């Protein structure tokens, strides 16, 4: 029975690696040319290099969080829900966590980070207001 399980696991592992290796790469961007890769390319490289996400490994939840952060804080406009789902599905499928141990570590929680010695009074004030739920002061006109 163990032998049969070992053969099955070995077969499935090889099948997964073979499926992953067969995905061609776009020569211009380096992106895996899987299903819907062009939608991702058109939306993501409009703002930044594809290397920004090609080097990342994240779960579907983390990719969702990243995309939502970009919409809230990064200047990305609201996406159609179907497009957002397509982007996240592609990223999770082709740039999801791996078993190779080459993934980036998860971010360190803010509660474990040391105090920033370079924080300005304005940053500290903004952080305090944010913690209290107050809106930040708009930036001064230039």
Protein backbone atom coordinates (compact mmCIF):
# COMPACT_ATOMS: atom_id res chain seq x y z
CA UNK A 1 0.00 0.00 0.00
CA UNK A 2 2.82 2.41 0.87
CA UNK A 3 4.49 1.65 -2.42
CA UNK A 4 1.29 2.51 -4.31
CA UNK A 5 1.01 5.80 -2.40
CA UNK A 6 4.64 6.62 -3.13
CA UNK A 7 4.17 5.93 -6.83
CA UNK A 8 1.02 8.08 -6.91
CA UNK A 9 2.71 11.00 -5.13
CA UNK A 10 5.74 10.75 -7.42
CA UNK A 11 3.53 10.67 -10.51
CA UNK A 12 1.48 13.66 -9.39
CA UNK A 13 4.61 15.63 -8.51
CA UNK A 14 6.15 14.96 -11.91
CA UNK A 15 2.86 15.84 -13.58
CA UNK A 16 2.73 19.15 -11.72
CA UNK A 17 6.31 20.00 -12.69
CA UNK A 18 5.70 19.01 -16.31
CA UNK A 19 2.57 21.15 -16.48
CA UNK A 20 4.45 24.09 -14.98
CA UNK A 21 7.40 23.73 -17.36
CA UNK A 22 5.22 23.69 -20.47
CA UNK A 23 3.91 27.23 -19.94
CA UNK A 24 5.84 29.39 -22.41
CA UNK A 25 7.22 32.75 -21.34
CA UNK A 26 6.46 35.99 -23.12
CA UNK A 27 9.83 37.14 -24.51
CA UNK A 28 9.05 40.81 -23.85
CA UNK A 29 7.77 40.69 -20.26
CA UNK A 30 8.91 37.30 -18.99
CA UNK A 31 5.35 36.51 -17.92
CA UNK A 32 4.02 32.98 -18.12
CA UNK A 33 1.68 32.88 -21.09
CA UNK A 34 -1.10 31.00 -19.31
CA UNK A 35 -4.81 31.65 -19.61
CA UNK A 36 -5.65 35.38 -19.45
CA UNK A 37 -2.02 36.48 -19.21
CA UNK A 38 -2.66 39.34 -21.64
CA UNK A 39 -5.33 40.82 -19.36
CA UNK A 40 -2.85 40.79 -16.49
CA UNK A 41 -0.11 42.24 -18.70
CA UNK A 42 -2.33 45.06 -19.93
CA UNK A 43 -3.47 46.04 -16.45
CA UNK A 44 -0.30 45.51 -14.43
CA UNK A 45 2.58 46.71 -16.59
CA UNK A 46 0.80 49.96 -17.32
CA UNK A 47 2.06 51.15 -13.93
CA UNK A 48 5.13 49.08 -13.12
CA UNK A 49 7.63 46.57 -14.42
CA UNK A 50 6.45 42.96 -14.63
CA UNK A 51 9.46 42.09 -12.46
CA UNK A 52 7.51 43.66 -9.59
CA UNK A 53 5.17 40.66 -9.50
CA UNK A 54 7.20 38.01 -11.36
CA UNK A 55 9.54 37.77 -8.39
CA UNK A 56 6.70 37.43 -5.88
CA UNK A 57 4.96 34.33 -4.61
CA UNK A 58 1.64 34.79 -2.87
CA UNK A 59 -1.60 33.04 -2.11
CA UNK A 60 -4.86 34.11 -3.70
CA UNK A 61 -5.73 35.97 -0.48
CA UNK A 62 -2.41 37.83 -0.54
CA UNK A 63 -2.75 38.76 -4.22
CA UNK A 64 -6.29 39.99 -3.47
CA UNK A 65 -5.00 42.07 -0.56
CA UNK A 66 -2.22 43.52 -2.72
CA UNK A 67 -4.60 44.45 -5.51
CA UNK A 68 -7.04 46.05 -3.07
CA UNK A 69 -4.18 48.00 -1.49
CA UNK A 70 -3.18 49.32 -4.92
CA UNK A 71 -6.77 50.42 -5.54
CA UNK A 72 -6.97 52.18 -2.18
CA UNK A 73 -3.47 53.60 -1.80
CA UNK A 74 -1.53 53.06 -5.00
CA UNK A 75 -3.49 55.07 -7.51
CA UNK A 76 -5.10 52.11 -9.27
CA UNK A 77 -8.71 52.80 -10.15
CA UNK A 78 -11.54 50.46 -9.26
CA UNK A 79 -11.47 47.37 -11.47
CA UNK A 80 -14.43 45.52 -12.87
CA UNK A 81 -14.99 42.56 -10.46
CA UNK A 82 -14.60 40.03 -13.30
CA UNK A 83 -11.29 41.57 -14.37
CA UNK A 84 -10.05 41.68 -10.78
CA UNK A 85 -10.96 38.01 -10.31
CA UNK A 86 -9.17 37.10 -13.57
CA UNK A 87 -5.99 38.92 -12.51
CA UNK A 88 -5.96 37.31 -9.08
CA UNK A 89 -6.67 33.86 -10.52
CA UNK A 90 -3.77 34.19 -12.99
CA UNK A 91 -1.33 35.47 -10.35
CA UNK A 92 -2.26 32.78 -7.83
CA UNK A 93 -2.00 30.04 -10.46
CA UNK A 94 1.33 31.10 -11.94
CA UNK A 95 2.96 33.03 -9.09
CA UNK A 96 1.50 31.29 -6.07
CA UNK A 97 3.44 29.79 -3.17
CA UNK A 98 5.87 27.04 -4.11
CA UNK A 99 7.45 24.14 -2.28
CA UNK A 100 10.94 25.14 -3.40
CA UNK A 101 11.63 27.36 -0.41
CA UNK A 102 12.38 30.35 -2.65
CA UNK A 103 9.30 32.29 -1.64
CA UNK A 104 9.68 35.58 0.15
CA UNK A 105 9.03 35.53 3.83
CA UNK A 106 5.71 36.92 5.01
CA UNK A 107 5.83 40.58 6.08
CA UNK A 108 6.77 41.21 9.69
CA UNK A 109 3.74 42.41 11.66
CA UNK A 110 3.91 46.11 12.51
CA UNK A 111 3.67 45.25 16.21
CA UNK A 112 7.03 43.47 15.98
CA UNK A 113 8.81 46.18 14.03
CA UNK A 114 11.12 48.59 15.87
CA UNK A 115 10.21 52.27 16.14
CA UNK A 116 11.25 54.14 13.01
CA UNK A 117 14.07 56.53 14.01
CA UNK A 118 13.52 58.53 10.82
CA UNK A 119 9.82 59.17 11.36
CA UNK A 120 8.95 62.82 11.10
CA UNK A 121 6.48 64.57 13.34
CA UNK A 122 4.04 64.75 10.41
CA UNK A 123 4.25 60.98 9.86
CA UNK A 124 3.79 60.29 13.55
CA UNK A 125 0.80 62.65 13.63
CA UNK A 126 -0.73 60.97 10.56
CA UNK A 127 -0.21 57.51 12.08
CA UNK A 128 -1.84 58.61 15.34
CA UNK A 129 -4.83 60.07 13.51
CA UNK A 130 -5.18 56.94 11.40
CA UNK A 131 -5.14 54.81 14.55
CA UNK A 132 -7.89 57.00 16.03
CA UNK A 133 -9.92 56.70 12.82
CA UNK A 134 -9.59 60.39 11.94
CA UNK A 135 -9.08 61.46 8.32
CA UNK A 136 -5.55 62.52 7.40
CA UNK A 137 -4.79 66.16 6.73
CA UNK A 138 -4.57 66.82 2.96
CA UNK A 139 -1.08 67.61 1.66
CA UNK A 140 -0.11 71.26 1.44
CA UNK A 141 -0.40 72.74 -2.07
CA UNK A 142 2.88 73.12 -3.91
